[in-house]
Every structure is written in structure tokens, then in C-alpha cells.
C-alpha atoms as a PDB file:
ATOM      1  CA  UNK A   1      76.505  11.416 -69.825  1.00  0.00           C
ATOM      2  CA  UNK A   2      75.686  15.121 -69.714  1.00  0.00           C
ATOM      3  CA  UNK A   3      78.108  17.674 -68.363  1.00  0.00           C
ATOM      4  CA  UNK A   4      76.518  20.824 -66.868  1.00  0.00           C
ATOM      5  CA  UNK A   5      78.607  23.966 -66.831  1.00  0.00           C
ATOM      6  CA  UNK A   6      77.952  27.643 -66.068  1.00  0.00           C
ATOM      7  CA  UNK A   7      80.390  29.442 -68.366  1.00  0.00           C
ATOM      8  CA  UNK A   8      81.173  33.108 -68.341  1.00  0.00           C
ATOM      9  CA  UNK A   9      83.420  33.114 -71.375  1.00  0.00           C
ATOM     10  CA  UNK A  10      83.069  35.103 -74.599  1.00  0.00           C
ATOM     11  CA  UNK A  11      82.394  31.885 -76.502  1.00  0.00           C
ATOM     12  CA  UNK A  12      78.908  32.818 -77.730  1.00  0.00           C
ATOM     13  CA  UNK A  13      79.262  36.548 -77.189  1.00  0.00           C
ATOM     14  CA  UNK A  14      76.781  36.276 -74.294  1.00  0.00           C
ATOM     15  CA  UNK A  15      79.139  36.299 -71.305  1.00  0.00           C
ATOM     16  CA  UNK A  16      77.074  38.923 -69.478  1.00  0.00           C
ATOM     17  CA  UNK A  17      73.732  37.153 -69.865  1.00  0.00           C
ATOM     18  CA  UNK A  18      72.258  36.912 -66.344  1.00  0.00           C
ATOM     19  CA  UNK A  19      70.767  33.423 -66.190  1.00  0.00           C
ATOM     20  CA  UNK A  20      72.710  31.187 -68.499  1.00  0.00           C
ATOM     21  CA  UNK A  21      73.958  27.622 -68.469  1.00  0.00           C
ATOM     22  CA  UNK A  22      75.682  25.199 -70.797  1.00  0.00           C
ATOM     23  CA  UNK A  23      74.958  21.477 -71.090  1.00  0.00           C
ATOM     24  CA  UNK A  24      77.316  19.193 -72.997  1.00  0.00           C
ATOM     25  CA  UNK A  25      76.095  15.897 -74.486  1.00  0.00           C
ATOM     26  CA  UNK A  26      79.147  14.115 -75.883  1.00  0.00           C
ATOM     27  CA  UNK A  27      80.364  16.296 -78.730  1.00  0.00           C
ATOM     28  CA  UNK A  28      77.280  18.584 -78.780  1.00  0.00           C
ATOM     29  CA  UNK A  29      76.524  21.615 -76.619  1.00  0.00           C
ATOM     30  CA  UNK A  30      73.274  23.266 -75.606  1.00  0.00           C
ATOM     31  CA  UNK A  31      73.582  26.838 -74.306  1.00  0.00           C
ATOM     32  CA  UNK A  32      70.490  28.478 -72.732  1.00  0.00           C
ATOM     33  CA  UNK A  33      70.149  32.107 -71.654  1.00  0.00           C
ATOM     34  CA  UNK A  34      67.695  35.003 -71.543  1.00  0.00           C
ATOM     35  CA  UNK A  35      67.538  36.904 -74.821  1.00  0.00           C
ATOM     36  CA  UNK A  36      68.500  40.542 -74.441  1.00  0.00           C
ATOM     37  CA  UNK A  37      69.185  41.454 -78.079  1.00  0.00           C
ATOM     38  CA  UNK A  38      67.013  43.861 -80.055  1.00  0.00           C
ATOM     39  CA  UNK A  39      65.434  42.018 -83.002  1.00  0.00           C
ATOM     40  CA  UNK A  40      64.828  44.121 -86.114  1.00  0.00           C
ATOM     41  CA  UNK A  41      62.371  41.665 -87.612  1.00  0.00           C
ATOM     42  CA  UNK A  42      59.026  40.214 -86.601  1.00  0.00           C
ATOM     43  CA  UNK A  43      59.629  37.337 -84.182  1.00  0.00           C
ATOM     44  CA  UNK A  44      57.375  34.297 -84.009  1.00  0.00           C
ATOM     45  CA  UNK A  45      55.736  34.355 -80.542  1.00  0.00           C
ATOM     46  CA  UNK A  46      56.328  30.653 -79.779  1.00  0.00           C
ATOM     47  CA  UNK A  47      59.459  29.439 -81.608  1.00  0.00           C
ATOM     48  CA  UNK A  48      61.825  31.307 -83.900  1.00  0.00           C
ATOM     49  CA  UNK A  49      64.796  29.573 -85.525  1.00  0.00           C
ATOM     50  CA  UNK A  50      67.819  31.200 -87.173  1.00  0.00           C
ATOM     51  CA  UNK A  51      71.481  30.556 -87.936  1.00  0.00           C
ATOM     52  CA  UNK A  52      73.917  31.325 -85.172  1.00  0.00           C
ATOM     53  CA  UNK A  53      76.811  33.732 -84.915  1.00  0.00           C
ATOM     54  CA  UNK A  54      79.356  31.139 -86.005  1.00  0.00           C
ATOM     55  CA  UNK A  55      79.129  28.444 -88.648  1.00  0.00           C
ATOM     56  CA  UNK A  56      77.411  25.299 -87.372  1.00  0.00           C
ATOM     57  CA  UNK A  57      75.334  27.074 -84.714  1.00  0.00           C
ATOM     58  CA  UNK A  58      71.536  27.090 -84.604  1.00  0.00           C
ATOM     59  CA  UNK A  59      69.654  29.622 -82.474  1.00  0.00           C
ATOM     60  CA  UNK A  60      66.157  28.914 -81.197  1.00  0.00           C
ATOM     61  CA  UNK A  61      64.184  31.696 -79.552  1.00  0.00           C
ATOM     62  CA  UNK A  62      61.496  30.265 -77.268  1.00  0.00           C
ATOM     63  CA  UNK A  63      58.527  32.400 -76.214  1.00  0.00           C
ATOM     64  CA  UNK A  64      60.438  35.584 -77.239  1.00  0.00           C
ATOM     65  CA  UNK A  65      62.478  35.264 -74.055  1.00  0.00           C
ATOM     66  CA  UNK A  66      64.765  32.218 -73.949  1.00  0.00           C
ATOM     67  CA  UNK A  67      67.615  31.813 -76.417  1.00  0.00           C
ATOM     68  CA  UNK A  68      68.802  28.237 -76.995  1.00  0.00           C
ATOM     69  CA  UNK A  69      72.018  27.771 -78.992  1.00  0.00           C
ATOM     70  CA  UNK A  70      72.896  24.339 -80.381  1.00  0.00           C
ATOM     71  CA  UNK A  71      76.509  23.762 -81.445  1.00  0.00           C
ATOM     72  CA  UNK A  72      79.381  21.288 -81.581  1.00  0.00           C
ATOM     73  CA  UNK A  73      81.680  21.089 -78.583  1.00  0.00           C
ATOM     74  CA  UNK A  74      85.258  22.270 -78.956  1.00  0.00           C
END
């Protein structure tokens, strides 16, 4: 069962992101928000993948606009 939450906590360092939501699937979390960070490297226009801020996080940048963070739930 999925648990949908709209957090405004400093968990991912994105507490001021305007349109964000968090979905929890068991012991995994999927956080989606608009990307507002300045990237100092060439970004793939469709899908860009990188390591997250914390260990165990994966960041996916979709269409240079949407940031999807995959992590374990705490």
C-alpha cells in the first residue's frame, strides 16, 4: 500500500520547493519536485541520473524540470 505525503521538512534539503510530494512504498520513498538548482554540467535533455545528497539516494532529472529522488524510508 502506498502512503502519499506532502512534506515540508528539511529531509532532502528541498523544503521550499513549490510543487513537491512524497510517496512511500513499504520501506522505499519516492520524492518528486520541480528542480530549481543551477547545474554546472551539461544535462541530458530527457533523463539525467546522479547520486543523491545522502548515501543511498538516487536523483533522476526528468526533462530538465522534474527531480525524482529515490531513497529508503526512515
